[in-house]
Amino acid sequence: FTYYFGPNDFDILKKIKRKDGKDLNLSRIIPLGWSVFRWVNIYIIIPLFNALGYVFGSNMGLIILIMTLLIKLVLFPFTFKSYKSSAKMRVLKPQIDEINKKIPKEKSMERQQATMALYKKVGVNPMGGCLPMLFQMPFLIAMFRFFPSSIELRQKSFLWASDLSSYDSIWNFPHGFSIPMYGDHISLFALLMAVAMLISQLLNKNQMSGGNTQMPGMKLMLYLMPVMMVLWFNKYSAGLSYYYFLSNVITI
């Protein structure tokens, strides 16, 4: 047998080979996700994180901030196109309402053709709003696996968080009291992330609907999602909650 005693550091593990040169694939020990999400971590997130580490040293709060800004800048062309498409959709809403009044529901095919003809005339893509989510999703999920697995974040403090690879706590419940699904403490980064997410979703709802009331089910999901994120992330990596918080603030 060959034994390795050392840190679960991706860059170290991927260099370890047998004496005959065969790769042991020890880097698979680190749970960076599967398929495209693992590729995003290996070829984009980890090299970017290491490069920023060389420049800014062990200031992990600053590194995460700059990394978030850079990722947002890369995705900005797609995001801007989506916002532009949403603005056009709001302007076109009165004309679409007119089409719906003129053409009855029974002639759904004719109504759809008239609507698509209007979109084509002004150069609007109804699916344009989905582009940013599709491009951001691999990064969001990759980060979900990266932060708890990154040994560089172990014992690294930032503001009130003593360890960015674990949860932060501004208050522990007394006498061993614990709330099911939530935990025995309050994570401030998780709360900030949820508030930023709620504001971002409210703004996005107004942008997409032009201020009109949406279906009750969608309205419920709007408030339910941040609550679920608080329950989920209260015991998760503070670095990840901080990243999602920054991402939502920049979006706002």
C-alpha atoms as a PDB file:
ATOM      1  CA  PHE A   1       0.000   0.000   0.000  1.00  0.00           C
ATOM      2  CA  THR A   2       0.928   3.639  -0.471  1.00  0.00           C
ATOM      3  CA  TYR A   3      -0.287   6.036   2.186  1.00  0.00           C
ATOM      4  CA  TYR A   4      -0.867   9.765   1.875  1.00  0.00           C
ATOM      5  CA  PHE A   5      -0.923  11.882   5.019  1.00  0.00           C
ATOM      6  CA  GLY A   6      -1.787  15.472   4.241  1.00  0.00           C
ATOM      7  CA  PRO A   7      -4.507  18.018   3.527  1.00  0.00           C
ATOM      8  CA  ASN A   8      -7.421  17.473   1.155  1.00  0.00           C
ATOM      9  CA  ASP A   9      -5.988  20.109  -1.154  1.00  0.00           C
ATOM     10  CA  PHE A  10      -7.108  19.687  -4.772  1.00  0.00           C
ATOM     11  CA  ASP A  11      -3.846  20.981  -6.277  1.00  0.00           C
ATOM     12  CA  ILE A  12      -1.764  18.609  -4.131  1.00  0.00           C
ATOM     13  CA  LEU A  13      -3.971  15.551  -4.631  1.00  0.00           C
ATOM     14  CA  LYS A  14      -4.114  15.822  -8.419  1.00  0.00           C
ATOM     15  CA  LYS A  15      -0.273  15.701  -8.604  1.00  0.00           C
ATOM     16  CA  ILE A  16       0.109  12.488  -6.580  1.00  0.00           C
ATOM     17  CA  LYS A  17       0.892   9.468  -8.767  1.00  0.00           C
ATOM     18  CA  ARG A  18       2.142   5.945  -8.253  1.00  0.00           C
ATOM     19  CA  LYS A  19       5.831   5.150  -8.685  1.00  0.00           C
ATOM     20  CA  ASP A  20       5.094   3.819 -12.165  1.00  0.00           C
ATOM     21  CA  GLY A  21       3.493   7.170 -13.099  1.00  0.00           C
ATOM     22  CA  LYS A  22      -0.118   6.002 -13.041  1.00  0.00           C
ATOM     23  CA  ASP A  23      -2.582   8.661 -11.852  1.00  0.00           C
ATOM     24  CA  LEU A  24      -4.344   7.632  -8.623  1.00  0.00           C
ATOM     25  CA  ASN A  25      -7.180  10.168  -9.147  1.00  0.00           C
ATOM     26  CA  LEU A  26      -6.987  11.163  -5.490  1.00  0.00           C
ATOM     27  CA  SER A  27      -8.525  14.537  -6.371  1.00  0.00           C
ATOM     28  CA  ARG A  28     -11.855  12.695  -6.729  1.00  0.00           C
ATOM     29  CA  ILE A  29     -11.886  12.565  -2.911  1.00  0.00           C
ATOM     30  CA  ILE A  30     -12.902  16.237  -2.907  1.00  0.00           C
ATOM     31  CA  PRO A  31     -16.662  16.510  -3.615  1.00  0.00           C
ATOM     32  CA  LEU A  32     -16.719  19.235  -6.263  1.00  0.00           C
ATOM     33  CA  GLY A  33     -19.941  18.061  -7.874  1.00  0.00           C
ATOM     34  CA  TRP A  34     -20.601  15.932 -10.925  1.00  0.00           C
ATOM     35  CA  SER A  35     -20.403  16.461 -14.671  1.00  0.00           C
ATOM     36  CA  VAL A  36     -20.487  20.110 -15.788  1.00  0.00           C
ATOM     37  CA  PHE A  37     -20.491  21.470 -12.219  1.00  0.00           C
ATOM     38  CA  ARG A  38     -17.235  19.683 -11.406  1.00  0.00           C
ATOM     39  CA  TRP A  39     -15.717  20.991 -14.661  1.00  0.00           C
ATOM     40  CA  VAL A  40     -16.723  24.554 -13.724  1.00  0.00           C
ATOM     41  CA  ASN A  41     -14.989  24.120 -10.359  1.00  0.00           C
ATOM     42  CA  ILE A  42     -11.836  22.499 -11.760  1.00  0.00           C
ATOM     43  CA  TYR A  43     -11.286  24.725 -14.802  1.00  0.00           C
ATOM     44  CA  ILE A  44     -12.757  28.074 -13.704  1.00  0.00           C
ATOM     45  CA  ILE A  45     -13.459  28.479  -9.982  1.00  0.00           C
ATOM     46  CA  ILE A  46     -10.342  26.839  -8.485  1.00  0.00           C
ATOM     47  CA  PRO A  47      -7.830  28.544 -10.877  1.00  0.00           C
ATOM     48  CA  LEU A  48      -9.560  31.913 -10.300  1.00  0.00           C
ATOM     49  CA  PHE A  49      -9.621  31.372  -6.530  1.00  0.00           C
ATOM     50  CA  ASN A  50      -5.917  30.420  -6.495  1.00  0.00           C
ATOM     51  CA  ALA A  51      -4.949  33.411  -8.671  1.00  0.00           C
ATOM     52  CA  LEU A  52      -6.768  35.817  -6.356  1.00  0.00           C
ATOM     53  CA  GLY A  53      -5.130  34.091  -3.383  1.00  0.00           C
ATOM     54  CA  TYR A  54      -1.679  34.880  -4.806  1.00  0.00           C
ATOM     55  CA  VAL A  55      -2.643  38.567  -5.088  1.00  0.00           C
ATOM     56  CA  PHE A  56      -4.654  39.130  -1.890  1.00  0.00           C
ATOM     57  CA  GLY A  57      -3.161  36.491   0.386  1.00  0.00           C
ATOM     58  CA  SER A  58      -5.463  35.001   3.030  1.00  0.00           C
ATOM     59  CA  ASN A  59      -8.101  37.754   3.010  1.00  0.00           C
ATOM     60  CA  MET A  60     -10.888  35.347   2.011  1.00  0.00           C
ATOM     61  CA  GLY A  61     -13.682  37.893   2.382  1.00  0.00           C
ATOM     62  CA  LEU A  62     -12.049  40.155  -0.212  1.00  0.00           C
ATOM     63  CA  ILE A  63     -11.221  37.193  -2.476  1.00  0.00           C
ATOM     64  CA  ILE A  64     -14.855  36.015  -2.489  1.00  0.00           C
ATOM     65  CA  LEU A  65     -16.045  39.584  -3.184  1.00  0.00           C
ATOM     66  CA  ILE A  66     -13.739  40.025  -6.178  1.00  0.00           C
ATOM     67  CA  MET A  67     -14.508  36.523  -7.465  1.00  0.00           C
ATOM     68  CA  THR A  68     -18.249  37.326  -7.326  1.00  0.00           C
ATOM     69  CA  LEU A  69     -17.695  40.586  -9.221  1.00  0.00           C
ATOM     70  CA  LEU A  70     -15.646  38.850 -11.926  1.00  0.00           C
ATOM     71  CA  ILE A  71     -18.236  36.095 -12.425  1.00  0.00           C
ATOM     72  CA  LYS A  72     -21.006  38.706 -12.617  1.00  0.00           C
ATOM     73  CA  LEU A  73     -19.004  40.671 -15.205  1.00  0.00           C
ATOM     74  CA  VAL A  74     -18.544  37.573 -17.359  1.00  0.00           C
ATOM     75  CA  LEU A  75     -22.302  36.854 -17.218  1.00  0.00           C
ATOM     76  CA  PHE A  76     -23.296  40.513 -17.657  1.00  0.00           C
ATOM     77  CA  PRO A  77     -23.822  40.448 -21.469  1.00  0.00           C
ATOM     78  CA  PHE A  78     -26.412  37.684 -21.080  1.00  0.00           C
ATOM     79  CA  THR A  79     -28.027  39.401 -18.075  1.00  0.00           C
ATOM     80  CA  PHE A  80     -28.234  42.746 -19.869  1.00  0.00           C
ATOM     81  CA  LYS A  81     -29.859  41.101 -22.884  1.00  0.00           C
ATOM     82  CA  SER A  82     -32.455  39.562 -20.572  1.00  0.00           C
ATOM     83  CA  TYR A  83     -33.256  42.883 -18.871  1.00  0.00           C
ATOM     84  CA  LYS A  84     -33.584  44.547 -22.265  1.00  0.00           C
ATOM     85  CA  SER A  85     -35.947  41.803 -23.433  1.00  0.00           C
ATOM     86  CA  SER A  86     -38.031  42.151 -20.247  1.00  0.00           C
ATOM     87  CA  ALA A  87     -38.293  45.925 -20.771  1.00  0.00           C
ATOM     88  CA  LYS A  88     -39.564  45.390 -24.323  1.00  0.00           C
ATOM     89  CA  MET A  89     -42.097  42.849 -23.065  1.00  0.00           C
ATOM     90  CA  ARG A  90     -43.482  45.403 -20.589  1.00  0.00           C
ATOM     91  CA  VAL A  91     -43.820  48.014 -23.350  1.00  0.00           C
ATOM     92  CA  LEU A  92     -45.614  45.492 -25.573  1.00  0.00           C
ATOM     93  CA  LYS A  93     -48.079  44.370 -22.890  1.00  0.00           C
ATOM     94  CA  PRO A  94     -50.884  46.825 -23.899  1.00  0.00           C
ATOM     95  CA  GLN A  95     -50.636  45.640 -27.510  1.00  0.00           C
ATOM     96  CA  ILE A  96     -50.714  41.985 -26.435  1.00  0.00           C
ATOM     97  CA  ASP A  97     -53.813  42.743 -24.318  1.00  0.00           C
ATOM     98  CA  GLU A  98     -55.434  44.262 -27.421  1.00  0.00           C
ATOM     99  CA  ILE A  99     -54.684  41.101 -29.408  1.00  0.00           C
ATOM    100  CA  ASN A 100     -56.242  38.989 -26.653  1.00  0.00           C
ATOM    101  CA  LYS A 101     -59.381  41.172 -26.713  1.00  0.00           C
ATOM    102  CA  LYS A 102     -59.761  40.992 -30.495  1.00  0.00           C
ATOM    103  CA  ILE A 103     -59.080  37.261 -30.840  1.00  0.00           C
ATOM    104  CA  PRO A 104     -61.195  34.979 -28.599  1.00  0.00           C
ATOM    105  CA  LYS A 105     -59.728  32.159 -26.521  1.00  0.00           C
ATOM    106  CA  GLU A 106     -61.254  29.577 -28.861  1.00  0.00           C
ATOM    107  CA  LYS A 107     -58.859  30.718 -31.600  1.00  0.00           C
ATOM    108  CA  SER A 108     -55.750  30.102 -29.504  1.00  0.00           C
ATOM    109  CA  MET A 109     -53.558  29.272 -32.519  1.00  0.00           C
ATOM    110  CA  GLU A 110     -54.498  32.520 -34.271  1.00  0.00           C
ATOM    111  CA  ARG A 111     -53.912  34.474 -31.048  1.00  0.00           C
ATOM    112  CA  GLN A 112     -50.490  32.896 -30.601  1.00  0.00           C
ATOM    113  CA  GLN A 113     -49.510  33.608 -34.213  1.00  0.00           C
ATOM    114  CA  ALA A 114     -50.520  37.271 -33.867  1.00  0.00           C
ATOM    115  CA  THR A 115     -48.535  37.585 -30.632  1.00  0.00           C
ATOM    116  CA  MET A 116     -45.426  35.945 -32.138  1.00  0.00           C
ATOM    117  CA  ALA A 117     -45.730  38.208 -35.195  1.00  0.00           C
ATOM    118  CA  LEU A 118     -45.667  41.231 -32.873  1.00  0.00           C
ATOM    119  CA  TYR A 119     -42.620  39.864 -31.051  1.00  0.00           C
ATOM    120  CA  LYS A 120     -40.831  39.277 -34.344  1.00  0.00           C
ATOM    121  CA  LYS A 121     -41.686  42.770 -35.597  1.00  0.00           C
ATOM    122  CA  VAL A 122     -39.994  44.487 -32.642  1.00  0.00           C
ATOM    123  CA  GLY A 123     -37.232  41.888 -32.187  1.00  0.00           C
ATOM    124  CA  VAL A 124     -38.283  40.436 -28.838  1.00  0.00           C
ATOM    125  CA  ASN A 125     -37.411  36.922 -27.729  1.00  0.00           C
ATOM    126  CA  PRO A 126     -40.020  35.695 -25.173  1.00  0.00           C
ATOM    127  CA  MET A 127     -37.447  33.222 -23.819  1.00  0.00           C
ATOM    128  CA  GLY A 128     -34.764  35.914 -23.447  1.00  0.00           C
ATOM    129  CA  GLY A 129     -35.371  36.146 -19.698  1.00  0.00           C
ATOM    130  CA  CYS A 130     -34.308  32.510 -19.225  1.00  0.00           C
ATOM    131  CA  LEU A 131     -30.783  33.001 -20.605  1.00  0.00           C
ATOM    132  CA  PRO A 132     -29.132  34.454 -17.458  1.00  0.00           C
ATOM    133  CA  MET A 133     -30.545  31.679 -15.255  1.00  0.00           C
ATOM    134  CA  LEU A 134     -29.268  29.010 -17.640  1.00  0.00           C
ATOM    135  CA  PHE A 135     -25.759  30.486 -17.657  1.00  0.00           C
ATOM    136  CA  GLN A 136     -25.687  31.252 -13.934  1.00  0.00           C
ATOM    137  CA  MET A 137     -26.975  27.860 -12.788  1.00  0.00           C
ATOM    138  CA  PRO A 138     -23.675  25.938 -13.343  1.00  0.00           C
ATOM    139  CA  PHE A 139     -21.829  28.594 -11.305  1.00  0.00           C
ATOM    140  CA  LEU A 140     -24.427  28.640  -8.510  1.00  0.00           C
ATOM    141  CA  ILE A 141     -24.366  24.852  -8.121  1.00  0.00           C
ATOM    142  CA  ALA A 142     -20.574  24.641  -8.540  1.00  0.00           C
ATOM    143  CA  MET A 143     -20.153  27.176  -5.714  1.00  0.00           C
ATOM    144  CA  PHE A 144     -22.521  25.120  -3.572  1.00  0.00           C
ATOM    145  CA  ARG A 145     -19.975  22.282  -3.726  1.00  0.00           C
ATOM    146  CA  PHE A 146     -16.812  24.402  -3.776  1.00  0.00           C
ATOM    147  CA  PHE A 147     -17.070  26.402  -0.540  1.00  0.00           C
ATOM    148  CA  PRO A 148     -17.641  23.537   1.952  1.00  0.00           C
ATOM    149  CA  SER A 149     -14.938  21.454   0.204  1.00  0.00           C
ATOM    150  CA  SER A 150     -12.240  24.131  -0.048  1.00  0.00           C
ATOM    151  CA  ILE A 151      -9.542  23.535   2.565  1.00  0.00           C
ATOM    152  CA  GLU A 152      -8.253  27.072   1.942  1.00  0.00           C
ATOM    153  CA  LEU A 153     -11.331  28.395   3.758  1.00  0.00           C
ATOM    154  CA  ARG A 154     -10.835  26.227   6.860  1.00  0.00           C
ATOM    155  CA  GLN A 155     -10.344  28.361   9.979  1.00  0.00           C
ATOM    156  CA  LYS A 156     -10.326  31.533   7.844  1.00  0.00           C
ATOM    157  CA  SER A 157     -12.310  34.260   9.582  1.00  0.00           C
ATOM    158  CA  PHE A 158     -14.194  37.190   8.068  1.00  0.00           C
ATOM    159  CA  LEU A 159     -16.191  39.773  10.011  1.00  0.00           C
ATOM    160  CA  TRP A 160     -18.209  37.753  12.587  1.00  0.00           C
ATOM    161  CA  ALA A 161     -17.604  34.364  10.917  1.00  0.00           C
ATOM    162  CA  SER A 162     -14.745  32.442  12.543  1.00  0.00           C
ATOM    163  CA  ASP A 163     -14.601  29.730   9.855  1.00  0.00           C
ATOM    164  CA  LEU A 164     -15.895  30.406   6.323  1.00  0.00           C
ATOM    165  CA  SER A 165     -16.001  26.687   5.509  1.00  0.00           C
ATOM    166  CA  SER A 166     -18.550  26.162   8.300  1.00  0.00           C
ATOM    167  CA  TYR A 167     -21.599  28.110   9.489  1.00  0.00           C
ATOM    168  CA  ASP A 168     -21.384  31.487  11.212  1.00  0.00           C
ATOM    169  CA  SER A 169     -23.286  32.143  14.431  1.00  0.00           C
ATOM    170  CA  ILE A 170     -24.200  35.490  16.009  1.00  0.00           C
ATOM    171  CA  TRP A 171     -26.245  33.823  18.766  1.00  0.00           C
ATOM    172  CA  ASN A 172     -26.516  30.273  20.093  1.00  0.00           C
ATOM    173  CA  PHE A 173     -29.823  29.239  21.640  1.00  0.00           C
ATOM    174  CA  PRO A 174     -29.503  28.636  25.424  1.00  0.00           C
ATOM    175  CA  HIS A 175     -29.852  25.337  27.295  1.00  0.00           C
ATOM    176  CA  GLY A 176     -29.330  23.163  24.201  1.00  0.00           C
ATOM    177  CA  PHE A 177     -32.547  24.430  22.564  1.00  0.00           C
ATOM    178  CA  SER A 178     -32.762  23.618  18.842  1.00  0.00           C
ATOM    179  CA  ILE A 179     -35.384  24.303  16.140  1.00  0.00           C
ATOM    180  CA  PRO A 180     -36.058  21.347  13.800  1.00  0.00           C
ATOM    181  CA  MET A 181     -34.541  21.891  10.326  1.00  0.00           C
ATOM    182  CA  TYR A 182     -33.073  25.225  11.488  1.00  0.00           C
ATOM    183  CA  GLY A 183     -30.572  24.387  14.222  1.00  0.00           C
ATOM    184  CA  ASP A 184     -29.414  25.743  17.573  1.00  0.00           C
ATOM    185  CA  HIS A 185     -28.003  29.079  16.373  1.00  0.00           C
ATOM    186  CA  ILE A 186     -28.669  32.087  14.134  1.00  0.00           C
ATOM    187  CA  SER A 187     -26.495  32.541  11.036  1.00  0.00           C
ATOM    188  CA  LEU A 188     -26.373  36.218  10.046  1.00  0.00           C
ATOM    189  CA  PHE A 189     -24.920  35.530   6.585  1.00  0.00           C
ATOM    190  CA  ALA A 190     -27.837  33.169   5.865  1.00  0.00           C
ATOM    191  CA  LEU A 191     -30.337  35.845   6.971  1.00  0.00           C
ATOM    192  CA  LEU A 192     -28.641  38.540   4.854  1.00  0.00           C
ATOM    193  CA  MET A 193     -28.642  36.224   1.853  1.00  0.00           C
ATOM    194  CA  ALA A 194     -32.375  35.521   2.263  1.00  0.00           C
ATOM    195  CA  VAL A 195     -33.248  39.237   2.560  1.00  0.00           C
ATOM    196  CA  ALA A 196     -31.161  40.093  -0.524  1.00  0.00           C
ATOM    197  CA  MET A 197     -32.789  37.213  -2.422  1.00  0.00           C
ATOM    198  CA  LEU A 198     -36.288  38.414  -1.489  1.00  0.00           C
ATOM    199  CA  ILE A 199     -35.565  41.993  -2.630  1.00  0.00           C
ATOM    200  CA  SER A 200     -34.022  40.711  -5.862  1.00  0.00           C
ATOM    201  CA  GLN A 201     -37.054  38.496  -6.564  1.00  0.00           C
ATOM    202  CA  LEU A 202     -39.508  41.319  -5.813  1.00  0.00           C
ATOM    203  CA  LEU A 203     -37.678  43.623  -8.219  1.00  0.00           C
ATOM    204  CA  ASN A 204     -37.550  40.885 -10.834  1.00  0.00           C
ATOM    205  CA  LYS A 205     -41.299  40.231 -10.441  1.00  0.00           C
ATOM    206  CA  ASN A 206     -42.050  43.913 -11.031  1.00  0.00           C
ATOM    207  CA  GLN A 207     -39.738  43.984 -14.044  1.00  0.00           C
ATOM    208  CA  MET A 208     -41.260  40.883 -15.602  1.00  0.00           C
ATOM    209  CA  SER A 209     -44.912  41.722 -14.912  1.00  0.00           C
ATOM    210  CA  GLY A 210     -44.818  45.493 -15.138  1.00  0.00           C
ATOM    211  CA  GLY A 211     -46.227  45.741 -11.609  1.00  0.00           C
ATOM    212  CA  ASN A 212     -49.235  43.513 -12.281  1.00  0.00           C
ATOM    213  CA  THR A 213     -50.341  40.928  -9.709  1.00  0.00           C
ATOM    214  CA  GLN A 214     -49.143  37.427 -10.445  1.00  0.00           C
ATOM    215  CA  MET A 215     -50.860  34.141  -9.678  1.00  0.00           C
ATOM    216  CA  PRO A 216     -51.271  33.436  -5.916  1.00  0.00           C
ATOM    217  CA  GLY A 217     -49.077  30.328  -6.198  1.00  0.00           C
ATOM    218  CA  MET A 218     -46.206  32.351  -7.683  1.00  0.00           C
ATOM    219  CA  LYS A 219     -46.604  34.985  -4.975  1.00  0.00           C
ATOM    220  CA  LEU A 220     -46.363  32.294  -2.289  1.00  0.00           C
ATOM    221  CA  MET A 221     -43.177  30.881  -3.859  1.00  0.00           C
ATOM    222  CA  LEU A 222     -41.704  34.379  -3.892  1.00  0.00           C
ATOM    223  CA  TYR A 223     -41.717  34.470  -0.074  1.00  0.00           C
ATOM    224  CA  LEU A 224     -41.362  30.748   0.565  1.00  0.00           C
ATOM    225  CA  MET A 225     -38.041  30.417  -1.282  1.00  0.00           C
ATOM    226  CA  PRO A 226     -36.057  32.832   0.977  1.00  0.00           C
ATOM    227  CA  VAL A 227     -37.523  31.119   4.077  1.00  0.00           C
ATOM    228  CA  MET A 228     -36.439  27.709   2.774  1.00  0.00           C
ATOM    229  CA  MET A 229     -32.960  29.080   2.029  1.00  0.00           C
ATOM    230  CA  VAL A 230     -32.633  30.315   5.634  1.00  0.00           C
ATOM    231  CA  LEU A 231     -33.602  26.882   6.975  1.00  0.00           C
ATOM    232  CA  TRP A 232     -31.196  25.168   4.596  1.00  0.00           C
ATOM    233  CA  PHE A 233     -28.193  27.489   4.825  1.00  0.00           C
ATOM    234  CA  ASN A 234     -28.291  28.219   8.558  1.00  0.00           C
ATOM    235  CA  LYS A 235     -26.031  25.182   9.115  1.00  0.00           C
ATOM    236  CA  TYR A 236     -24.090  25.470   5.842  1.00  0.00           C
ATOM    237  CA  SER A 237     -20.855  27.164   4.808  1.00  0.00           C
ATOM    238  CA  ALA A 238     -20.714  30.870   5.741  1.00  0.00           C
ATOM    239  CA  GLY A 239     -18.540  31.488   2.678  1.00  0.00           C
ATOM    240  CA  LEU A 240     -21.294  30.167   0.430  1.00  0.00           C
ATOM    241  CA  SER A 241     -24.005  32.291   2.098  1.00  0.00           C
ATOM    242  CA  TYR A 242     -21.697  35.307   1.784  1.00  0.00           C
ATOM    243  CA  TYR A 243     -21.179  34.579  -1.940  1.00  0.00           C
ATOM    244  CA  TYR A 244     -24.933  34.229  -2.611  1.00  0.00           C
ATOM    245  CA  PHE A 245     -25.562  37.418  -0.604  1.00  0.00           C
ATOM    246  CA  LEU A 246     -23.033  39.361  -2.704  1.00  0.00           C
ATOM    247  CA  SER A 247     -24.435  37.891  -5.909  1.00  0.00           C
ATOM    248  CA  ASN A 248     -27.956  39.066  -5.044  1.00  0.00           C
ATOM    249  CA  VAL A 249     -26.774  42.505  -3.937  1.00  0.00           C
ATOM    250  CA  ILE A 250     -24.948  43.001  -7.258  1.00  0.00           C
ATOM    251  CA  THR A 251     -28.059  41.816  -9.110  1.00  0.00           C
ATOM    252  CA  ILE A 252     -30.156  44.383  -7.210  1.00  0.00           C
END
